């Protein structure tokens, strides 16, 4: 999954924000 790559590439705080954003506003 691309999300796994993003999680490893981004810092923890950014990752959490990004994950939360995806959960609240999933991409089409």
C-alpha atoms as a PDB file:
ATOM      1  CA  UNK A   1       0.000   0.000   0.000  1.00  0.00           C
ATOM      2  CA  UNK A   2       1.165   3.537  -0.705  1.00  0.00           C
ATOM      3  CA  UNK A   3       0.023   4.560   2.764  1.00  0.00           C
ATOM      4  CA  UNK A   4       2.713   2.351   4.306  1.00  0.00           C
ATOM      5  CA  UNK A   5       5.385   4.080   2.235  1.00  0.00           C
ATOM      6  CA  UNK A   6       4.036   7.506   3.208  1.00  0.00           C
ATOM      7  CA  UNK A   7       3.978   6.525   6.870  1.00  0.00           C
ATOM      8  CA  UNK A   8       7.657   5.596   6.741  1.00  0.00           C
ATOM      9  CA  UNK A   9       8.609   8.665   4.723  1.00  0.00           C
ATOM     10  CA  UNK A  10       6.809  11.225   6.863  1.00  0.00           C
ATOM     11  CA  UNK A  11       7.570  12.147  10.471  1.00  0.00           C
ATOM     12  CA  UNK A  12       5.366  10.699  13.197  1.00  0.00           C
ATOM     13  CA  UNK A  13       3.319  13.843  13.776  1.00  0.00           C
ATOM     14  CA  UNK A  14       2.829  14.387  10.054  1.00  0.00           C
ATOM     15  CA  UNK A  15       1.952  10.739   9.599  1.00  0.00           C
ATOM     16  CA  UNK A  16      -0.697  10.863  12.303  1.00  0.00           C
ATOM     17  CA  UNK A  17      -2.208  14.029  10.817  1.00  0.00           C
ATOM     18  CA  UNK A  18      -2.155  12.498   7.354  1.00  0.00           C
ATOM     19  CA  UNK A  19      -3.743   9.256   8.568  1.00  0.00           C
ATOM     20  CA  UNK A  20      -6.423  11.108  10.475  1.00  0.00           C
ATOM     21  CA  UNK A  21      -7.149  13.241   7.423  1.00  0.00           C
ATOM     22  CA  UNK A  22      -7.501  10.149   5.270  1.00  0.00           C
ATOM     23  CA  UNK A  23      -9.854   8.525   7.754  1.00  0.00           C
ATOM     24  CA  UNK A  24     -12.046  11.611   8.056  1.00  0.00           C
ATOM     25  CA  UNK A  25     -11.880  12.489   4.364  1.00  0.00           C
ATOM     26  CA  UNK A  26     -11.098   9.339   2.374  1.00  0.00           C
ATOM     27  CA  UNK A  27      -9.793   9.851  -1.140  1.00  0.00           C
ATOM     28  CA  UNK A  28     -11.981   8.639  -4.020  1.00  0.00           C
END
